[in-house]
Amino acid sequence: MEFIPFPKIARLMRECVITEKIDGTNACVQISGDTIVAQSRTRVVTPDNDNFGFASWVKKHHDELLALGEGVHFGEWWGVDIQRKYGLDHKRFSLFNVGRWTSENPPPACCHIVPILAKGTFDSIMIHNALAFLAAYGSHAAPGFMNPEGIIIYHTAARTYFKKTFKNDDKGKEFGA
């Protein structure tokens, strides 16, 4: 038999980044050289077999999106006609990798970044405060929209995401969360 090691366990009290959970559809731009492929959560999408127009948008913004650089760029495709709609009359692509994009290194103008609500050592107060902020002031991604979905917690040591939603958080997606 082959030895199978137990995986390392990340320490909980490490840095985390809390962002707004945007209710749209998962999307991805994959870049290799001058080739760009659009993806949904589960498949490659094309303008002929699209996901809420994302592949068509990627095709239209091909040259701008090359500035993202080689690799895989995950985000949320959201706005008009998608999930909560956020009171928008257009769709947006918001990138998840908030650590990469700064004012000194902005993403292409056609892209947004999911809003950071808090950053620091993991604790439940930070999570509570981020949710309280959204409940009181509404979406940070779409100011004036008072029905945000919740938050995403990225735990840097574990290199994983967790989500906490306002509705049906204890039940899961099959119940509308």
C-alpha atoms as a PDB file:
ATOM      1  CA  MET A   1       0.000   0.000   0.000  1.00  0.00           C
ATOM      2  CA  GLU A   2       1.006   3.588  -0.622  1.00  0.00           C
ATOM      3  CA  PHE A   3       1.475   6.027   2.261  1.00  0.00           C
ATOM      4  CA  ILE A   4      -1.222   8.725   2.296  1.00  0.00           C
ATOM      5  CA  PRO A   5      -0.373  11.709   4.524  1.00  0.00           C
ATOM      6  CA  PHE A   6      -2.938  13.657   6.498  1.00  0.00           C
ATOM      7  CA  PRO A   7      -3.189  17.216   5.056  1.00  0.00           C
ATOM      8  CA  LYS A   8      -1.798  20.207   6.957  1.00  0.00           C
ATOM      9  CA  ILE A   9      -4.358  22.108   8.986  1.00  0.00           C
ATOM     10  CA  ALA A  10      -4.432  25.876   8.621  1.00  0.00           C
ATOM     11  CA  ARG A  11      -4.547  28.026  11.761  1.00  0.00           C
ATOM     12  CA  LEU A  12      -7.892  29.798  12.109  1.00  0.00           C
ATOM     13  CA  MET A  13      -6.662  33.069  13.614  1.00  0.00           C
ATOM     14  CA  ARG A  14      -4.908  34.276  10.485  1.00  0.00           C
ATOM     15  CA  GLU A  15      -5.609  36.999   7.962  1.00  0.00           C
ATOM     16  CA  CYS A  16      -8.896  36.990   6.125  1.00  0.00           C
ATOM     17  CA  VAL A  17     -10.437  39.314   3.578  1.00  0.00           C
ATOM     18  CA  ILE A  18     -14.184  39.892   3.617  1.00  0.00           C
ATOM     19  CA  THR A  19     -15.828  41.023   0.394  1.00  0.00           C
ATOM     20  CA  GLU A  20     -19.406  41.576  -0.636  1.00  0.00           C
ATOM     21  CA  LYS A  21     -21.039  38.472  -2.112  1.00  0.00           C
ATOM     22  CA  ILE A  22     -22.568  39.627  -5.365  1.00  0.00           C
ATOM     23  CA  ASP A  23     -25.611  37.683  -6.564  1.00  0.00           C
ATOM     24  CA  GLY A  24     -24.982  37.084 -10.255  1.00  0.00           C
ATOM     25  CA  THR A  25     -23.440  34.184 -12.099  1.00  0.00           C
ATOM     26  CA  ASN A  26     -19.898  32.870 -11.700  1.00  0.00           C
ATOM     27  CA  ALA A  27     -17.707  33.757 -14.662  1.00  0.00           C
ATOM     28  CA  CYS A  28     -14.104  33.410 -15.713  1.00  0.00           C
ATOM     29  CA  VAL A  29     -11.737  34.822 -18.311  1.00  0.00           C
ATOM     30  CA  GLN A  30      -8.897  32.437 -19.184  1.00  0.00           C
ATOM     31  CA  ILE A  31      -5.976  33.944 -21.113  1.00  0.00           C
ATOM     32  CA  SER A  32      -3.134  32.208 -22.936  1.00  0.00           C
ATOM     33  CA  GLY A  33      -1.136  34.411 -25.312  1.00  0.00           C
ATOM     34  CA  ASP A  34      -3.682  36.318 -27.402  1.00  0.00           C
ATOM     35  CA  THR A  35      -6.336  33.648 -26.881  1.00  0.00           C
ATOM     36  CA  ILE A  36      -9.160  34.342 -24.458  1.00  0.00           C
ATOM     37  CA  VAL A  37     -11.763  31.799 -23.389  1.00  0.00           C
ATOM     38  CA  ALA A  38     -14.910  32.684 -21.432  1.00  0.00           C
ATOM     39  CA  GLN A  39     -16.238  30.263 -18.831  1.00  0.00           C
ATOM     40  CA  SER A  40     -19.216  29.873 -16.538  1.00  0.00           C
ATOM     41  CA  ARG A  41     -18.870  27.911 -13.294  1.00  0.00           C
ATOM     42  CA  THR A  42     -19.320  24.604 -15.147  1.00  0.00           C
ATOM     43  CA  ARG A  43     -18.392  25.056 -18.807  1.00  0.00           C
ATOM     44  CA  VAL A  44     -16.698  27.050 -21.545  1.00  0.00           C
ATOM     45  CA  VAL A  45     -19.174  29.550 -23.005  1.00  0.00           C
ATOM     46  CA  THR A  46     -19.288  31.064 -26.484  1.00  0.00           C
ATOM     47  CA  PRO A  47     -21.471  33.756 -28.048  1.00  0.00           C
ATOM     48  CA  ASP A  48     -23.518  30.921 -29.599  1.00  0.00           C
ATOM     49  CA  ASN A  49     -23.864  29.069 -26.268  1.00  0.00           C
ATOM     50  CA  ASP A  50     -23.653  31.934 -23.797  1.00  0.00           C
ATOM     51  CA  ASN A  51     -24.231  32.538 -20.082  1.00  0.00           C
ATOM     52  CA  PHE A  52     -26.265  35.771 -19.758  1.00  0.00           C
ATOM     53  CA  GLY A  53     -24.169  37.370 -22.519  1.00  0.00           C
ATOM     54  CA  PHE A  54     -20.793  36.906 -20.795  1.00  0.00           C
ATOM     55  CA  ALA A  55     -19.014  35.291 -23.771  1.00  0.00           C
ATOM     56  CA  SER A  56     -20.282  38.036 -26.072  1.00  0.00           C
ATOM     57  CA  TRP A  57     -18.992  40.661 -23.606  1.00  0.00           C
ATOM     58  CA  VAL A  58     -15.597  38.913 -23.431  1.00  0.00           C
ATOM     59  CA  LYS A  59     -15.387  38.861 -27.233  1.00  0.00           C
ATOM     60  CA  LYS A  60     -16.257  42.575 -27.401  1.00  0.00           C
ATOM     61  CA  HIS A  61     -13.607  43.462 -24.771  1.00  0.00           C
ATOM     62  CA  HIS A  62     -10.927  41.012 -25.981  1.00  0.00           C
ATOM     63  CA  ASP A  63      -8.139  43.582 -26.383  1.00  0.00           C
ATOM     64  CA  GLU A  64      -8.838  45.269 -23.021  1.00  0.00           C
ATOM     65  CA  LEU A  65      -9.049  41.927 -21.192  1.00  0.00           C
ATOM     66  CA  LEU A  66      -5.577  40.903 -22.391  1.00  0.00           C
ATOM     67  CA  ALA A  67      -4.290  43.405 -19.794  1.00  0.00           C
ATOM     68  CA  LEU A  68      -5.422  40.951 -17.087  1.00  0.00           C
ATOM     69  CA  GLY A  69      -2.414  38.843 -18.066  1.00  0.00           C
ATOM     70  CA  GLU A  70      -1.885  35.144 -18.595  1.00  0.00           C
ATOM     71  CA  GLY A  71      -3.930  32.876 -16.405  1.00  0.00           C
ATOM     72  CA  VAL A  72      -7.396  32.319 -15.048  1.00  0.00           C
ATOM     73  CA  HIS A  73      -9.403  35.286 -13.764  1.00  0.00           C
ATOM     74  CA  PHE A  74     -12.537  34.391 -11.806  1.00  0.00           C
ATOM     75  CA  GLY A  75     -15.291  36.837 -11.014  1.00  0.00           C
ATOM     76  CA  GLU A  76     -19.021  37.515 -10.935  1.00  0.00           C
ATOM     77  CA  TRP A  77     -21.071  38.519 -14.000  1.00  0.00           C
ATOM     78  CA  TRP A  78     -23.976  40.501 -12.633  1.00  0.00           C
ATOM     79  CA  GLY A  79     -26.503  43.255 -13.184  1.00  0.00           C
ATOM     80  CA  VAL A  80     -29.561  43.654 -15.386  1.00  0.00           C
ATOM     81  CA  ASP A  81     -31.465  40.377 -15.996  1.00  0.00           C
ATOM     82  CA  ILE A  82     -29.210  38.331 -13.661  1.00  0.00           C
ATOM     83  CA  GLN A  83     -30.390  37.243 -10.185  1.00  0.00           C
ATOM     84  CA  ARG A  84     -30.937  40.362  -7.978  1.00  0.00           C
ATOM     85  CA  LYS A  85     -30.251  42.754 -10.882  1.00  0.00           C
ATOM     86  CA  TYR A  86     -29.062  45.412  -8.374  1.00  0.00           C
ATOM     87  CA  GLY A  87     -31.112  48.127 -10.054  1.00  0.00           C
ATOM     88  CA  LEU A  88     -28.586  48.297 -12.904  1.00  0.00           C
ATOM     89  CA  ASP A  89     -29.395  48.871 -16.568  1.00  0.00           C
ATOM     90  CA  HIS A  90     -26.240  47.005 -17.667  1.00  0.00           C
ATOM     91  CA  LYS A  91     -24.083  44.008 -16.694  1.00  0.00           C
ATOM     92  CA  ARG A  92     -20.691  44.108 -14.957  1.00  0.00           C
ATOM     93  CA  PHE A  93     -17.790  41.709 -14.482  1.00  0.00           C
ATOM     94  CA  SER A  94     -16.283  41.995 -10.988  1.00  0.00           C
ATOM     95  CA  LEU A  95     -13.013  40.169 -10.344  1.00  0.00           C
ATOM     96  CA  PHE A  96     -12.587  38.102  -7.150  1.00  0.00           C
ATOM     97  CA  ASN A  97      -8.799  38.394  -6.703  1.00  0.00           C
ATOM     98  CA  VAL A  98      -8.863  41.594  -4.644  1.00  0.00           C
ATOM     99  CA  GLY A  99      -5.220  41.190  -3.576  1.00  0.00           C
ATOM    100  CA  ARG A 100      -3.930  41.577  -7.119  1.00  0.00           C
ATOM    101  CA  TRP A 101      -5.668  44.788  -8.167  1.00  0.00           C
ATOM    102  CA  THR A 102      -4.766  48.127  -6.562  1.00  0.00           C
ATOM    103  CA  SER A 103      -4.852  51.812  -7.499  1.00  0.00           C
ATOM    104  CA  GLU A 104      -1.246  51.349  -8.691  1.00  0.00           C
ATOM    105  CA  ASN A 105      -2.171  48.174 -10.606  1.00  0.00           C
ATOM    106  CA  PRO A 106      -5.800  48.589 -11.689  1.00  0.00           C
ATOM    107  CA  PRO A 107      -7.699  46.021 -13.736  1.00  0.00           C
ATOM    108  CA  PRO A 108      -8.807  46.955 -17.262  1.00  0.00           C
ATOM    109  CA  ALA A 109     -11.460  49.693 -17.336  1.00  0.00           C
ATOM    110  CA  CYS A 110     -14.098  47.182 -18.472  1.00  0.00           C
ATOM    111  CA  CYS A 111     -13.701  45.216 -15.205  1.00  0.00           C
ATOM    112  CA  HIS A 112     -14.679  45.924 -11.621  1.00  0.00           C
ATOM    113  CA  ILE A 113     -13.420  44.347  -8.385  1.00  0.00           C
ATOM    114  CA  VAL A 114     -15.646  42.885  -5.668  1.00  0.00           C
ATOM    115  CA  PRO A 115     -15.724  45.420  -2.805  1.00  0.00           C
ATOM    116  CA  ILE A 116     -13.554  44.729   0.241  1.00  0.00           C
ATOM    117  CA  LEU A 117     -15.579  45.235   3.430  1.00  0.00           C
ATOM    118  CA  ALA A 118     -12.933  44.204   5.979  1.00  0.00           C
ATOM    119  CA  LYS A 119      -9.432  42.797   6.220  1.00  0.00           C
ATOM    120  CA  GLY A 120      -7.577  41.489   9.246  1.00  0.00           C
ATOM    121  CA  THR A 121      -7.167  38.570  11.623  1.00  0.00           C
ATOM    122  CA  PHE A 122     -10.138  36.240  11.468  1.00  0.00           C
ATOM    123  CA  ASP A 123     -12.779  36.701  14.135  1.00  0.00           C
ATOM    124  CA  SER A 124     -16.549  36.529  14.345  1.00  0.00           C
ATOM    125  CA  ILE A 125     -16.862  40.239  15.212  1.00  0.00           C
ATOM    126  CA  MET A 126     -15.349  41.155  11.862  1.00  0.00           C
ATOM    127  CA  ILE A 127     -17.916  38.954  10.107  1.00  0.00           C
ATOM    128  CA  HIS A 128     -20.755  40.403  12.188  1.00  0.00           C
ATOM    129  CA  ASN A 129     -19.628  43.983  11.425  1.00  0.00           C
ATOM    130  CA  ALA A 130     -19.357  43.348   7.670  1.00  0.00           C
ATOM    131  CA  LEU A 131     -22.895  41.937   7.620  1.00  0.00           C
ATOM    132  CA  ALA A 132     -24.181  44.800   9.779  1.00  0.00           C
ATOM    133  CA  PHE A 133     -22.632  47.318   7.370  1.00  0.00           C
ATOM    134  CA  LEU A 134     -24.394  45.725   4.392  1.00  0.00           C
ATOM    135  CA  ALA A 135     -27.688  45.484   6.296  1.00  0.00           C
ATOM    136  CA  ALA A 136     -27.537  49.156   7.283  1.00  0.00           C
ATOM    137  CA  TYR A 137     -26.139  50.737   4.127  1.00  0.00           C
ATOM    138  CA  GLY A 138     -26.933  48.245   1.357  1.00  0.00           C
ATOM    139  CA  SER A 139     -24.675  47.018  -1.394  1.00  0.00           C
ATOM    140  CA  HIS A 140     -21.232  48.545  -1.656  1.00  0.00           C
ATOM    141  CA  ALA A 141     -20.941  47.175  -5.213  1.00  0.00           C
ATOM    142  CA  ALA A 142     -24.176  48.899  -6.287  1.00  0.00           C
ATOM    143  CA  PRO A 143     -24.742  51.878  -3.964  1.00  0.00           C
ATOM    144  CA  GLY A 144     -28.412  52.442  -3.184  1.00  0.00           C
ATOM    145  CA  PHE A 145     -29.351  48.775  -3.626  1.00  0.00           C
ATOM    146  CA  MET A 146     -30.666  47.772  -0.200  1.00  0.00           C
ATOM    147  CA  ASN A 147     -30.978  43.985  -0.641  1.00  0.00           C
ATOM    148  CA  PRO A 148     -27.387  42.643  -0.733  1.00  0.00           C
ATOM    149  CA  GLU A 149     -26.883  38.882  -0.614  1.00  0.00           C
ATOM    150  CA  GLY A 150     -24.144  38.542   1.995  1.00  0.00           C
ATOM    151  CA  ILE A 151     -20.377  38.229   2.301  1.00  0.00           C
ATOM    152  CA  ILE A 152     -17.469  36.089   1.165  1.00  0.00           C
ATOM    153  CA  ILE A 153     -14.678  35.370   3.633  1.00  0.00           C
ATOM    154  CA  TYR A 154     -11.327  34.445   2.084  1.00  0.00           C
ATOM    155  CA  HIS A 155      -9.081  32.792   4.675  1.00  0.00           C
ATOM    156  CA  THR A 156      -5.515  33.353   3.494  1.00  0.00           C
ATOM    157  CA  ALA A 157      -3.841  30.557   5.510  1.00  0.00           C
ATOM    158  CA  ALA A 158      -6.399  27.953   4.410  1.00  0.00           C
ATOM    159  CA  ARG A 159      -6.529  29.475   0.912  1.00  0.00           C
ATOM    160  CA  THR A 160     -10.258  28.914   0.772  1.00  0.00           C
ATOM    161  CA  TYR A 161     -13.503  30.847   0.589  1.00  0.00           C
ATOM    162  CA  PHE A 162     -16.532  30.745   2.855  1.00  0.00           C
ATOM    163  CA  LYS A 163     -19.837  32.499   2.307  1.00  0.00           C
ATOM    164  CA  LYS A 164     -22.434  33.859   4.672  1.00  0.00           C
ATOM    165  CA  THR A 165     -25.764  34.992   3.289  1.00  0.00           C
ATOM    166  CA  PHE A 166     -28.581  36.957   4.866  1.00  0.00           C
ATOM    167  CA  LYS A 167     -31.297  34.482   3.841  1.00  0.00           C
ATOM    168  CA  ASN A 168     -31.275  30.692   4.184  1.00  0.00           C
ATOM    169  CA  ASP A 169     -27.608  30.613   5.211  1.00  0.00           C
ATOM    170  CA  ASP A 170     -28.231  27.481   7.256  1.00  0.00           C
ATOM    171  CA  LYS A 171     -30.066  25.707   4.416  1.00  0.00           C
ATOM    172  CA  GLY A 172     -27.910  26.137   1.324  1.00  0.00           C
ATOM    173  CA  LYS A 173     -28.379  26.962  -2.331  1.00  0.00           C
ATOM    174  CA  GLU A 174     -31.199  24.507  -2.988  1.00  0.00           C
ATOM    175  CA  PHE A 175     -33.312  26.724  -0.718  1.00  0.00           C
ATOM    176  CA  GLY A 176     -32.384  29.962  -2.470  1.00  0.00           C
ATOM    177  CA  ALA A 177     -29.195  30.949  -0.622  1.00  0.00           C
END
